[in-house]
Amino acid sequence: MTDFLTRKRGEPGPDFDPVNLMHQIFEDANAFVGPAQDVLLSWLMKLPQSIEPASAARTVLDTTVAHCTGAPSDEAQKLIGLLQQVSKHGAINAGQGGGSRRRGGRAARVIQ
C-alpha cells in the first residue's frame, strides 16, 4: 500500500499535507461535517513556505482525494471544489512574477 494511504494520526505528513489534515478528512469523507472553508484555510496556513499551494492542492487531489472510498459528504465535496480552485489558480498565475508567495509586508504599508 502506498505511503500516503497508511499514515496515522499524529504523525508528520508530507510537504503537501504536513499535519495530515487532508488525509484525516478524506480517510472518511462521508463523515466530514466541515466547514470546508475553515479546513482549507488551516491547511494552507500549515503548508511550508517552499511549496506552492497550487502544486500541493493538485497533489492532494491526485493522491488523497483520488483514493477516497465512499461518497463524500456535501462539505467534503465543497472542500474538493475549493482544492480544485486553488490548483487552477496556480495554473492561471504561472509565469506571472514568481518567487515567494509573500507580497508586501511592512515596507509596503508604511508611508515614508
PDB file of N, CA and C in Angstrom:
ATOM      1  N   MET A   1       0.847  -1.181   0.000  1.00  0.00           N
ATOM      2  CA  MET A   1       0.000   0.000   0.000  1.00  0.00           C
ATOM      3  C   MET A   1       0.893   1.245   0.000  1.00  0.00           C
ATOM      4  N   THR A   2       0.489   2.253  -0.682  1.00  0.00           N
ATOM      5  CA  THR A   2       1.279   3.453  -0.827  1.00  0.00           C
ATOM      6  C   THR A   2       1.393   4.196   0.494  1.00  0.00           C
ATOM      7  N   ASP A   3       2.520   4.880   0.715  1.00  0.00           N
ATOM      8  CA  ASP A   3       2.817   5.577   1.960  1.00  0.00           C
ATOM      9  C   ASP A   3       1.726   6.563   2.357  1.00  0.00           C
ATOM     10  N   PHE A   4       1.194   7.330   1.410  1.00  0.00           N
ATOM     11  CA  PHE A   4       0.203   8.340   1.764  1.00  0.00           C
ATOM     12  C   PHE A   4      -1.113   7.725   2.218  1.00  0.00           C
ATOM     13  N   LEU A   5      -1.333   6.463   1.952  1.00  0.00           N
ATOM     14  CA  LEU A   5      -2.563   5.803   2.389  1.00  0.00           C
ATOM     15  C   LEU A   5      -2.434   5.174   3.773  1.00  0.00           C
ATOM     16  N   THR A   6      -1.218   5.021   4.264  1.00  0.00           N
ATOM     17  CA  THR A   6      -1.011   4.326   5.534  1.00  0.00           C
ATOM     18  C   THR A   6      -0.612   5.257   6.665  1.00  0.00           C
ATOM     19  N   ARG A   7      -0.718   6.559   6.489  1.00  0.00           N
ATOM     20  CA  ARG A   7      -0.336   7.497   7.545  1.00  0.00           C
ATOM     21  C   ARG A   7      -1.263   7.371   8.741  1.00  0.00           C
ATOM     22  N   LYS A   8      -0.724   7.658   9.898  1.00  0.00           N
ATOM     23  CA  LYS A   8      -1.509   7.601  11.122  1.00  0.00           C
ATOM     24  C   LYS A   8      -1.643   8.990  11.713  1.00  0.00           C
ATOM     25  N   ARG A   9      -2.713   9.196  12.454  1.00  0.00           N
ATOM     26  CA  ARG A   9      -2.936  10.482  13.117  1.00  0.00           C
ATOM     27  C   ARG A   9      -1.770  10.779  14.048  1.00  0.00           C
ATOM     28  N   GLY A  10      -1.375  12.042  14.089  1.00  0.00           N
ATOM     29  CA  GLY A  10      -0.288  12.464  14.956  1.00  0.00           C
ATOM     30  C   GLY A  10       1.081  12.372  14.311  1.00  0.00           C
ATOM     31  N   GLU A  11       1.212  11.641  13.229  1.00  0.00           N
ATOM     32  CA  GLU A  11       2.490  11.554  12.527  1.00  0.00           C
ATOM     33  C   GLU A  11       2.637  12.744  11.603  1.00  0.00           C
ATOM     34  N   PRO A  12       3.858  13.259  11.452  1.00  0.00           N
ATOM     35  CA  PRO A  12       4.043  14.327  10.463  1.00  0.00           C
ATOM     36  C   PRO A  12       3.786  13.789   9.063  1.00  0.00           C
ATOM     37  N   GLY A  13       3.244  14.639   8.219  1.00  0.00           N
ATOM     38  CA  GLY A  13       2.925  14.220   6.862  1.00  0.00           C
ATOM     39  C   GLY A  13       3.912  14.762   5.856  1.00  0.00           C
ATOM     40  N   PRO A  14       3.643  14.524   4.597  1.00  0.00           N
ATOM     41  CA  PRO A  14       4.497  15.052   3.531  1.00  0.00           C
ATOM     42  C   PRO A  14       4.285  16.559   3.382  1.00  0.00           C
ATOM     43  N   ASP A  15       5.135  17.211   2.628  1.00  0.00           N
ATOM     44  CA  ASP A  15       5.045  18.665   2.456  1.00  0.00           C
ATOM     45  C   ASP A  15       3.668  19.116   1.972  1.00  0.00           C
ATOM     46  N   PHE A  16       3.012  18.330   1.116  1.00  0.00           N
ATOM     47  CA  PHE A  16       1.716  18.759   0.583  1.00  0.00           C
ATOM     48  C   PHE A  16       0.574  18.618   1.597  1.00  0.00           C
ATOM     49  N   ASP A  17       0.833  17.946   2.721  1.00  0.00           N
ATOM     50  CA  ASP A  17      -0.162  17.777   3.788  1.00  0.00           C
ATOM     51  C   ASP A  17       0.593  17.582   5.105  1.00  0.00           C
ATOM     52  N   PRO A  18       1.261  18.637   5.589  1.00  0.00           N
ATOM     53  CA  PRO A  18       2.230  18.493   6.675  1.00  0.00           C
ATOM     54  C   PRO A  18       1.682  17.961   8.000  1.00  0.00           C
ATOM     55  N   VAL A  19       0.427  18.188   8.306  1.00  0.00           N
ATOM     56  CA  VAL A  19      -0.144  17.660   9.557  1.00  0.00           C
ATOM     57  C   VAL A  19      -1.198  16.591   9.275  1.00  0.00           C
ATOM     58  N   ASN A  20      -1.196  16.063   8.072  1.00  0.00           N
ATOM     59  CA  ASN A  20      -2.128  15.004   7.651  1.00  0.00           C
ATOM     60  C   ASN A  20      -3.593  15.408   7.758  1.00  0.00           C
ATOM     61  N   LEU A  21      -3.871  16.686   7.642  1.00  0.00           N
ATOM     62  CA  LEU A  21      -5.245  17.174   7.752  1.00  0.00           C
ATOM     63  C   LEU A  21      -6.118  16.625   6.631  1.00  0.00           C
ATOM     64  N   MET A  22      -5.653  16.748   5.402  1.00  0.00           N
ATOM     65  CA  MET A  22      -6.438  16.251   4.264  1.00  0.00           C
ATOM     66  C   MET A  22      -6.573  14.731   4.321  1.00  0.00           C
ATOM     67  N   HIS A  23      -5.517  14.072   4.746  1.00  0.00           N
ATOM     68  CA  HIS A  23      -5.570  12.613   4.871  1.00  0.00           C
ATOM     69  C   HIS A  23      -6.656  12.201   5.865  1.00  0.00           C
ATOM     70  N   GLN A  24      -6.713  12.892   7.011  1.00  0.00           N
ATOM     71  CA  GLN A  24      -7.711  12.557   8.021  1.00  0.00           C
ATOM     72  C   GLN A  24      -9.133  12.785   7.512  1.00  0.00           C
ATOM     73  N   ILE A  25      -9.320  13.866   6.776  1.00  0.00           N
ATOM     74  CA  ILE A  25     -10.655  14.185   6.263  1.00  0.00           C
ATOM     75  C   ILE A  25     -11.099  13.172   5.216  1.00  0.00           C
ATOM     76  N   PHE A  26     -10.232  12.893   4.248  1.00  0.00           N
ATOM     77  CA  PHE A  26     -10.632  12.029   3.139  1.00  0.00           C
ATOM     78  C   PHE A  26     -10.482  10.544   3.450  1.00  0.00           C
ATOM     79  N   GLU A  27      -9.974  10.228   4.632  1.00  0.00           N
ATOM     80  CA  GLU A  27      -9.959   8.848   5.087  1.00  0.00           C
ATOM     81  C   GLU A  27     -11.403   8.368   5.315  1.00  0.00           C
ATOM     82  N   ASP A  28     -12.258   9.306   5.743  1.00  0.00           N
ATOM     83  CA  ASP A  28     -13.685   9.006   5.935  1.00  0.00           C
ATOM     84  C   ASP A  28     -14.481  10.237   5.493  1.00  0.00           C
ATOM     85  N   ALA A  29     -14.435  10.530   4.208  1.00  0.00           N
ATOM     86  CA  ALA A  29     -15.011  11.765   3.659  1.00  0.00           C
ATOM     87  C   ALA A  29     -16.519  11.850   3.802  1.00  0.00           C
ATOM     88  N   ASN A  30     -17.187  10.729   3.916  1.00  0.00           N
ATOM     89  CA  ASN A  30     -18.645  10.792   4.053  1.00  0.00           C
ATOM     90  C   ASN A  30     -19.060  11.251   5.453  1.00  0.00           C
ATOM     91  N   ALA A  31     -18.138  11.244   6.427  1.00  0.00           N
ATOM     92  CA  ALA A  31     -18.434  11.697   7.783  1.00  0.00           C
ATOM     93  C   ALA A  31     -17.995  13.142   8.037  1.00  0.00           C
ATOM     94  N   PHE A  32     -17.320  13.756   7.070  1.00  0.00           N
ATOM     95  CA  PHE A  32     -16.799  15.118   7.257  1.00  0.00           C
ATOM     96  C   PHE A  32     -17.949  16.117   7.273  1.00  0.00           C
ATOM     97  N   VAL A  33     -18.020  16.918   8.358  1.00  0.00           N
ATOM     98  CA  VAL A  33     -19.115  17.882   8.502  1.00  0.00           C
ATOM     99  C   VAL A  33     -18.663  19.326   8.289  1.00  0.00           C
ATOM    100  N   GLY A  34     -17.370  19.547   8.100  1.00  0.00           N
ATOM    101  CA  GLY A  34     -16.890  20.874   7.754  1.00  0.00           C
ATOM    102  C   GLY A  34     -16.665  21.772   8.936  1.00  0.00           C
ATOM    103  N   PRO A  35     -16.594  23.051   8.676  1.00  0.00           N
ATOM    104  CA  PRO A  35     -16.799  23.742   7.406  1.00  0.00           C
ATOM    105  C   PRO A  35     -15.568  23.659   6.494  1.00  0.00           C
ATOM    106  N   ALA A  36     -15.827  23.439   5.244  1.00  0.00           N
ATOM    107  CA  ALA A  36     -14.775  23.241   4.245  1.00  0.00           C
ATOM    108  C   ALA A  36     -13.833  24.440   4.154  1.00  0.00           C
ATOM    109  N   GLN A  37     -14.363  25.652   4.215  1.00  0.00           N
ATOM    110  CA  GLN A  37     -13.536  26.850   4.082  1.00  0.00           C
ATOM    111  C   GLN A  37     -12.520  26.942   5.223  1.00  0.00           C
ATOM    112  N   ASP A  38     -12.946  26.622   6.434  1.00  0.00           N
ATOM    113  CA  ASP A  38     -12.033  26.676   7.579  1.00  0.00           C
ATOM    114  C   ASP A  38     -10.913  25.645   7.444  1.00  0.00           C
ATOM    115  N   VAL A  39     -11.260  24.462   6.978  1.00  0.00           N
ATOM    116  CA  VAL A  39     -10.262  23.410   6.801  1.00  0.00           C
ATOM    117  C   VAL A  39      -9.256  23.823   5.729  1.00  0.00           C
ATOM    118  N   LEU A  40      -9.749  24.384   4.631  1.00  0.00           N
ATOM    119  CA  LEU A  40      -8.843  24.821   3.569  1.00  0.00           C
ATOM    120  C   LEU A  40      -7.875  25.872   4.095  1.00  0.00           C
ATOM    121  N   LEU A  41      -8.382  26.839   4.838  1.00  0.00           N
ATOM    122  CA  LEU A  41      -7.522  27.889   5.387  1.00  0.00           C
ATOM    123  C   LEU A  41      -6.487  27.300   6.342  1.00  0.00           C
ATOM    124  N   SER A  42      -6.899  26.404   7.213  1.00  0.00           N
ATOM    125  CA  SER A  42      -5.960  25.763   8.139  1.00  0.00           C
ATOM    126  C   SER A  42      -4.871  25.011   7.384  1.00  0.00           C
ATOM    127  N   TRP A  43      -5.281  24.284   6.356  1.00  0.00           N
ATOM    128  CA  TRP A  43      -4.326  23.513   5.558  1.00  0.00           C
ATOM    129  C   TRP A  43      -3.342  24.439   4.857  1.00  0.00           C
ATOM    130  N   LEU A  44      -3.851  25.525   4.252  1.00  0.00           N
ATOM    131  CA  LEU A  44      -2.974  26.471   3.558  1.00  0.00           C
ATOM    132  C   LEU A  44      -1.958  27.103   4.516  1.00  0.00           C
ATOM    133  N   MET A  45      -2.397  27.403   5.729  1.00  0.00           N
ATOM    134  CA  MET A  45      -1.506  28.033   6.696  1.00  0.00           C
ATOM    135  C   MET A  45      -0.413  27.085   7.183  1.00  0.00           C
ATOM    136  N   LYS A  46      -0.647  25.795   7.127  1.00  0.00           N
ATOM    137  CA  LYS A  46       0.339  24.803   7.571  1.00  0.00           C
ATOM    138  C   LYS A  46       1.334  24.413   6.478  1.00  0.00           C
ATOM    139  N   LEU A  47       1.058  24.784   5.228  1.00  0.00           N
ATOM    140  CA  LEU A  47       1.984  24.428   4.150  1.00  0.00           C
ATOM    141  C   LEU A  47       3.333  25.106   4.364  1.00  0.00           C
ATOM    142  N   PRO A  48       4.423  24.400   4.109  1.00  0.00           N
ATOM    143  CA  PRO A  48       5.734  25.040   4.202  1.00  0.00           C
ATOM    144  C   PRO A  48       5.866  26.136   3.147  1.00  0.00           C
ATOM    145  N   GLN A  49       6.649  27.130   3.448  1.00  0.00           N
ATOM    146  CA  GLN A  49       6.863  28.257   2.534  1.00  0.00           C
ATOM    147  C   GLN A  49       7.428  27.782   1.190  1.00  0.00           C
ATOM    148  N   SER A  50       8.141  26.662   1.206  1.00  0.00           N
ATOM    149  CA  SER A  50       8.812  26.181  -0.005  1.00  0.00           C
ATOM    150  C   SER A  50       7.881  25.507  -1.010  1.00  0.00           C
ATOM    151  N   ILE A  51       6.641  25.242  -0.643  1.00  0.00           N
ATOM    152  CA  ILE A  51       5.731  24.558  -1.566  1.00  0.00           C
ATOM    153  C   ILE A  51       4.618  25.502  -1.995  1.00  0.00           C
ATOM    154  N   GLU A  52       4.355  25.527  -3.278  1.00  0.00           N
ATOM    155  CA  GLU A  52       3.291  26.358  -3.825  1.00  0.00           C
ATOM    156  C   GLU A  52       1.937  25.726  -3.508  1.00  0.00           C
ATOM    157  N   PRO A  53       0.965  26.514  -3.063  1.00  0.00           N
ATOM    158  CA  PRO A  53      -0.350  25.968  -2.751  1.00  0.00           C
ATOM    159  C   PRO A  53      -1.003  25.234  -3.921  1.00  0.00           C
ATOM    160  N   ALA A  54      -0.834  25.749  -5.135  1.00  0.00           N
ATOM    161  CA  ALA A  54      -1.449  25.099  -6.302  1.00  0.00           C
ATOM    162  C   ALA A  54      -0.886  23.696  -6.509  1.00  0.00           C
ATOM    163  N   SER A  55       0.406  23.561  -6.355  1.00  0.00           N
ATOM    164  CA  SER A  55       1.049  22.259  -6.509  1.00  0.00           C
ATOM    165  C   SER A  55       0.603  21.301  -5.404  1.00  0.00           C
ATOM    166  N   ALA A  56       0.532  21.803  -4.177  1.00  0.00           N
ATOM    167  CA  ALA A  56       0.091  20.977  -3.059  1.00  0.00           C
ATOM    168  C   ALA A  56      -1.360  20.535  -3.256  1.00  0.00           C
ATOM    169  N   ALA A  57      -2.213  21.443  -3.718  1.00  0.00           N
ATOM    170  CA  ALA A  57      -3.622  21.107  -3.949  1.00  0.00           C
ATOM    171  C   ALA A  57      -3.752  20.038  -5.026  1.00  0.00           C
ATOM    172  N   ARG A  58      -2.976  20.166  -6.104  1.00  0.00           N
ATOM    173  CA  ARG A  58      -3.008  19.146  -7.163  1.00  0.00           C
ATOM    174  C   ARG A  58      -2.581  17.784  -6.622  1.00  0.00           C
ATOM    175  N   THR A  59      -1.561  17.790  -5.784  1.00  0.00           N
ATOM    176  CA  THR A  59      -1.074  16.530  -5.218  1.00  0.00           C
ATOM    177  C   THR A  59      -2.120  15.908  -4.301  1.00  0.00           C
ATOM    178  N   VAL A  60      -2.767  16.719  -3.468  1.00  0.00           N
ATOM    179  CA  VAL A  60      -3.831  16.200  -2.598  1.00  0.00           C
ATOM    180  C   VAL A  60      -4.948  15.608  -3.440  1.00  0.00           C
ATOM    181  N   LEU A  61      -5.338  16.306  -4.503  1.00  0.00           N
ATOM    182  CA  LEU A  61      -6.411  15.811  -5.373  1.00  0.00           C
ATOM    183  C   LEU A  61      -6.011  14.504  -6.060  1.00  0.00           C
ATOM    184  N   ASP A  62      -4.757  14.444  -6.524  1.00  0.00           N
ATOM    185  CA  ASP A  62      -4.295  13.272  -7.273  1.00  0.00           C
ATOM    186  C   ASP A  62      -4.008  12.064  -6.386  1.00  0.00           C
ATOM    187  N   THR A  63      -3.744  12.284  -5.114  1.00  0.00           N
ATOM    188  CA  THR A  63      -3.396  11.176  -4.231  1.00  0.00           C
ATOM    189  C   THR A  63      -4.508  10.930  -3.209  1.00  0.00           C
ATOM    190  N   THR A  64      -4.608  11.797  -2.249  1.00  0.00           N
ATOM    191  CA  THR A  64      -5.519  11.601  -1.122  1.00  0.00           C
ATOM    192  C   THR A  64      -6.976  11.529  -1.565  1.00  0.00           C
ATOM    193  N   VAL A  65      -7.431  12.494  -2.347  1.00  0.00           N
ATOM    194  CA  VAL A  65      -8.833  12.525  -2.774  1.00  0.00           C
ATOM    195  C   VAL A  65      -9.118  11.398  -3.765  1.00  0.00           C
ATOM    196  N   ALA A  66      -8.181  11.131  -4.649  1.00  0.00           N
ATOM    197  CA  ALA A  66      -8.377  10.085  -5.657  1.00  0.00           C
ATOM    198  C   ALA A  66      -8.559   8.708  -5.029  1.00  0.00           C
ATOM    199  N   HIS A  67      -8.001   8.497  -3.848  1.00  0.00           N
ATOM    200  CA  HIS A  67      -8.104   7.196  -3.188  1.00  0.00           C
ATOM    201  C   HIS A  67      -9.186   7.170  -2.111  1.00  0.00           C
ATOM    202  N   CYS A  68     -10.013   8.187  -2.078  1.00  0.00           N
ATOM    203  CA  CYS A  68     -11.115   8.267  -1.127  1.00  0.00           C
ATOM    204  C   CYS A  68     -12.170   7.233  -1.505  1.00  0.00           C
ATOM    205  N   THR A  69     -12.622   6.477  -0.525  1.00  0.00           N
ATOM    206  CA  THR A  69     -13.662   5.484  -0.794  1.00  0.00           C
ATOM    207  C   THR A  69     -14.991   5.990  -0.264  1.00  0.00           C
ATOM    208  N   GLY A  70     -16.046   5.590  -0.888  1.00  0.00           N
ATOM    209  CA  GLY A  70     -17.379   6.025  -0.471  1.00  0.00           C
ATOM    210  C   GLY A  70     -17.719   7.401  -1.017  1.00  0.00           C
ATOM    211  N   ALA A  71     -18.949   7.785  -0.856  1.00  0.00           N
ATOM    212  CA  ALA A  71     -19.417   9.079  -1.357  1.00  0.00           C
ATOM    213  C   ALA A  71     -19.051  10.174  -0.360  1.00  0.00           C
ATOM    214  N   PRO A  72     -18.368  11.225  -0.814  1.00  0.00           N
ATOM    215  CA  PRO A  72     -18.021  12.321   0.087  1.00  0.00           C
ATOM    216  C   PRO A  72     -19.270  13.084   0.535  1.00  0.00           C
ATOM    217  N   SER A  73     -19.242  13.582   1.769  1.00  0.00           N
ATOM    218  CA  SER A  73     -20.336  14.404   2.278  1.00  0.00           C
ATOM    219  C   SER A  73     -20.408  15.706   1.474  1.00  0.00           C
ATOM    220  N   ASP A  74     -21.454  16.471   1.682  1.00  0.00           N
ATOM    221  CA  ASP A  74     -21.588  17.763   0.990  1.00  0.00           C
ATOM    222  C   ASP A  74     -20.407  18.674   1.295  1.00  0.00           C
ATOM    223  N   GLU A  75     -19.989  18.716   2.559  1.00  0.00           N
ATOM    224  CA  GLU A  75     -18.854  19.566   2.929  1.00  0.00           C
ATOM    225  C   GLU A  75     -17.551  19.052   2.326  1.00  0.00           C
ATOM    226  N   ALA A  76     -17.388  17.739   2.243  1.00  0.00           N
ATOM    227  CA  ALA A  76     -16.198  17.174   1.599  1.00  0.00           C
ATOM    228  C   ALA A  76     -16.190  17.532   0.111  1.00  0.00           C
ATOM    229  N   GLN A  77     -17.360  17.518  -0.528  1.00  0.00           N
ATOM    230  CA  GLN A  77     -17.444  17.923  -1.930  1.00  0.00           C
ATOM    231  C   GLN A  77     -17.086  19.394  -2.094  1.00  0.00           C
ATOM    232  N   LYS A  78     -17.515  20.233  -1.138  1.00  0.00           N
ATOM    233  CA  LYS A  78     -17.124  21.652  -1.174  1.00  0.00           C
ATOM    234  C   LYS A  78     -15.617  21.796  -1.054  1.00  0.00           C
ATOM    235  N   LEU A  79     -15.018  21.009  -0.155  1.00  0.00           N
ATOM    236  CA  LEU A  79     -13.567  21.056   0.026  1.00  0.00           C
ATOM    237  C   LEU A  79     -12.845  20.623  -1.240  1.00  0.00           C
ATOM    238  N   ILE A  80     -13.341  19.603  -1.896  1.00  0.00           N
ATOM    239  CA  ILE A  80     -12.751  19.169  -3.173  1.00  0.00           C
ATOM    240  C   ILE A  80     -12.835  20.306  -4.192  1.00  0.00           C
ATOM    241  N   GLY A  81     -13.972  20.980  -4.262  1.00  0.00           N
ATOM    242  CA  GLY A  81     -14.122  22.115  -5.170  1.00  0.00           C
ATOM    243  C   GLY A  81     -13.152  23.242  -4.840  1.00  0.00           C
ATOM    244  N   LEU A  82     -12.952  23.511  -3.563  1.00  0.00           N
ATOM    245  CA  LEU A  82     -12.001  24.555  -3.159  1.00  0.00           C
ATOM    246  C   LEU A  82     -10.567  24.164  -3.523  1.00  0.00           C
ATOM    247  N   LEU A  83     -10.227  22.896  -3.318  1.00  0.00           N
ATOM    248  CA  LEU A  83      -8.898  22.425  -3.710  1.00  0.00           C
ATOM    249  C   LEU A  83      -8.697  22.548  -5.220  1.00  0.00           C
ATOM    250  N   GLN A  84      -9.738  22.256  -5.987  1.00  0.00           N
ATOM    251  CA  GLN A  84      -9.647  22.409  -7.444  1.00  0.00           C
ATOM    252  C   GLN A  84      -9.423  23.869  -7.818  1.00  0.00           C
ATOM    253  N   GLN A  85     -10.096  24.781  -7.123  1.00  0.00           N
ATOM    254  CA  GLN A  85      -9.899  26.210  -7.387  1.00  0.00           C
ATOM    255  C   GLN A  85      -8.472  26.635  -7.074  1.00  0.00           C
ATOM    256  N   VAL A  86      -7.935  26.171  -5.957  1.00  0.00           N
ATOM    257  CA  VAL A  86      -6.554  26.510  -5.591  1.00  0.00           C
ATOM    258  C   VAL A  86      -5.589  25.975  -6.641  1.00  0.00           C
ATOM    259  N   SER A  87      -5.812  24.739  -7.093  1.00  0.00           N
ATOM    260  CA  SER A  87      -4.897  24.160  -8.087  1.00  0.00           C
ATOM    261  C   SER A  87      -4.975  24.896  -9.415  1.00  0.00           C
ATOM    262  N   LYS A  88      -6.162  25.345  -9.808  1.00  0.00           N
ATOM    263  CA  LYS A  88      -6.313  26.086 -11.059  1.00  0.00           C
ATOM    264  C   LYS A  88      -5.768  27.496 -10.945  1.00  0.00           C
ATOM    265  N   HIS A  89      -5.885  28.091  -9.774  1.00  0.00           N
ATOM    266  CA  HIS A  89      -5.371  29.443  -9.562  1.00  0.00           C
ATOM    267  C   HIS A  89      -3.873  29.488  -9.836  1.00  0.00           C
ATOM    268  N   GLY A  90      -3.170  28.469  -9.389  1.00  0.00           N
ATOM    269  CA  GLY A  90      -1.733  28.405  -9.632  1.00  0.00           C
ATOM    270  C   GLY A  90      -1.424  28.250 -11.108  1.00  0.00           C
ATOM    271  N   ALA A  91      -2.230  27.468 -11.814  1.00  0.00           N
ATOM    272  CA  ALA A  91      -2.003  27.274 -13.248  1.00  0.00           C
ATOM    273  C   ALA A  91      -2.258  28.566 -14.018  1.00  0.00           C
ATOM    274  N   ILE A  92      -3.256  29.326 -13.594  1.00  0.00           N
ATOM    275  CA  ILE A  92      -3.577  30.593 -14.249  1.00  0.00           C
ATOM    276  C   ILE A  92      -2.469  31.612 -14.033  1.00  0.00           C
ATOM    277  N   ASN A  93      -1.924  31.629 -12.810  1.00  0.00           N
ATOM    278  CA  ASN A  93      -0.925  32.632 -12.463  1.00  0.00           C
ATOM    279  C   ASN A  93       0.509  32.197 -12.723  1.00  0.00           C
ATOM    280  N   ALA A  94       0.716  31.022 -13.270  1.00  0.00           N
ATOM    281  CA  ALA A  94       2.073  30.553 -13.540  1.00  0.00           C
ATOM    282  C   ALA A  94       2.763  31.501 -14.503  1.00  0.00           C
ATOM    283  N   GLY A  95       3.962  31.855 -14.144  1.00  0.00           N
ATOM    284  CA  GLY A  95       4.723  32.743 -15.009  1.00  0.00           C
ATOM    285  C   GLY A  95       4.478  34.220 -14.750  1.00  0.00           C
ATOM    286  N   GLN A  96       3.540  34.564 -13.896  1.00  0.00           N
ATOM    287  CA  GLN A  96       3.297  35.966 -13.561  1.00  0.00           C
ATOM    288  C   GLN A  96       4.050  36.272 -12.286  1.00  0.00           C
ATOM    289  N   GLY A  97       5.207  36.824 -12.407  1.00  0.00           N
ATOM    290  CA  GLY A  97       6.018  37.073 -11.224  1.00  0.00           C
ATOM    291  C   GLY A  97       6.757  35.807 -10.887  1.00  0.00           C
ATOM    292  N   GLY A  98       6.744  35.446  -9.660  1.00  0.00           N
ATOM    293  CA  GLY A  98       7.428  34.242  -9.234  1.00  0.00           C
ATOM    294  C   GLY A  98       8.068  34.489  -7.897  1.00  0.00           C
ATOM    295  N   GLY A  99       8.819  33.516  -7.474  1.00  0.00           N
ATOM    296  CA  GLY A  99       9.476  33.677  -6.196  1.00  0.00           C
ATOM    297  C   GLY A  99       8.538  33.365  -5.052  1.00  0.00           C
ATOM    298  N   SER A 100       8.678  34.153  -4.011  1.00  0.00           N
ATOM    299  CA  SER A 100       7.957  33.913  -2.772  1.00  0.00           C
ATOM    300  C   SER A 100       6.468  34.176  -2.896  1.00  0.00           C
ATOM    301  N   ARG A 101       5.686  33.480  -2.063  1.00  0.00           N
ATOM    302  CA  ARG A 101       4.245  33.709  -2.023  1.00  0.00           C
ATOM    303  C   ARG A 101       3.928  35.010  -1.307  1.00  0.00           C
ATOM    304  N   ARG A 102       4.804  35.452  -0.425  1.00  0.00           N
ATOM    305  CA  ARG A 102       4.531  36.646   0.367  1.00  0.00           C
ATOM    306  C   ARG A 102       4.752  37.894  -0.459  1.00  0.00           C
ATOM    307  N   ARG A 103       3.842  38.800  -0.307  1.00  0.00           N
ATOM    308  CA  ARG A 103       3.925  40.067  -1.030  1.00  0.00           C
ATOM    309  C   ARG A 103       3.811  41.201  -0.025  1.00  0.00           C
ATOM    310  N   GLY A 104       4.455  42.307  -0.319  1.00  0.00           N
ATOM    311  CA  GLY A 104       4.279  43.495   0.509  1.00  0.00           C
ATOM    312  C   GLY A 104       5.026  43.407   1.809  1.00  0.00           C
ATOM    313  N   GLY A 105       4.321  43.357   2.893  1.00  0.00           N
ATOM    314  CA  GLY A 105       4.925  43.380   4.192  1.00  0.00           C
ATOM    315  C   GLY A 105       4.908  44.786   4.757  1.00  0.00           C
ATOM    316  N   ARG A 106       5.628  45.008   5.828  1.00  0.00           N
ATOM    317  CA  ARG A 106       5.614  46.318   6.495  1.00  0.00           C
ATOM    318  C   ARG A 106       6.071  47.434   5.562  1.00  0.00           C
ATOM    319  N   ALA A 107       7.092  47.190   4.788  1.00  0.00           N
ATOM    320  CA  ALA A 107       7.619  48.219   3.893  1.00  0.00           C
ATOM    321  C   ALA A 107       6.582  48.685   2.877  1.00  0.00           C
ATOM    322  N   ALA A 108       5.681  47.812   2.482  1.00  0.00           N
ATOM    323  CA  ALA A 108       4.653  48.177   1.512  1.00  0.00           C
ATOM    324  C   ALA A 108       3.519  48.962   2.151  1.00  0.00           C
ATOM    325  N   ARG A 109       3.384  48.893   3.471  1.00  0.00           N
ATOM    326  CA  ARG A 109       2.296  49.574   4.151  1.00  0.00           C
ATOM    327  C   ARG A 109       2.688  50.907   4.764  1.00  0.00           C
ATOM    328  N   VAL A 110       3.976  51.110   4.989  1.00  0.00           N
ATOM    329  CA  VAL A 110       4.429  52.309   5.671  1.00  0.00           C
ATOM    330  C   VAL A 110       4.672  53.420   4.647  1.00  0.00           C
ATOM    331  N   ILE A 111       4.052  54.556   4.904  1.00  0.00           N
ATOM    332  CA  ILE A 111       4.255  55.720   4.033  1.00  0.00           C
ATOM    333  C   ILE A 111       5.485  56.461   4.534  1.00  0.00           C
ATOM    334  N   GLN A 112       6.413  56.711   3.634  1.00  0.00           N
ATOM    335  CA  GLN A 112       7.667  57.370   4.051  1.00  0.00           C
ATOM    336  C   GLN A 112       7.690  58.812   3.665  1.00  0.00           C
TER     337      GLN A 112
END
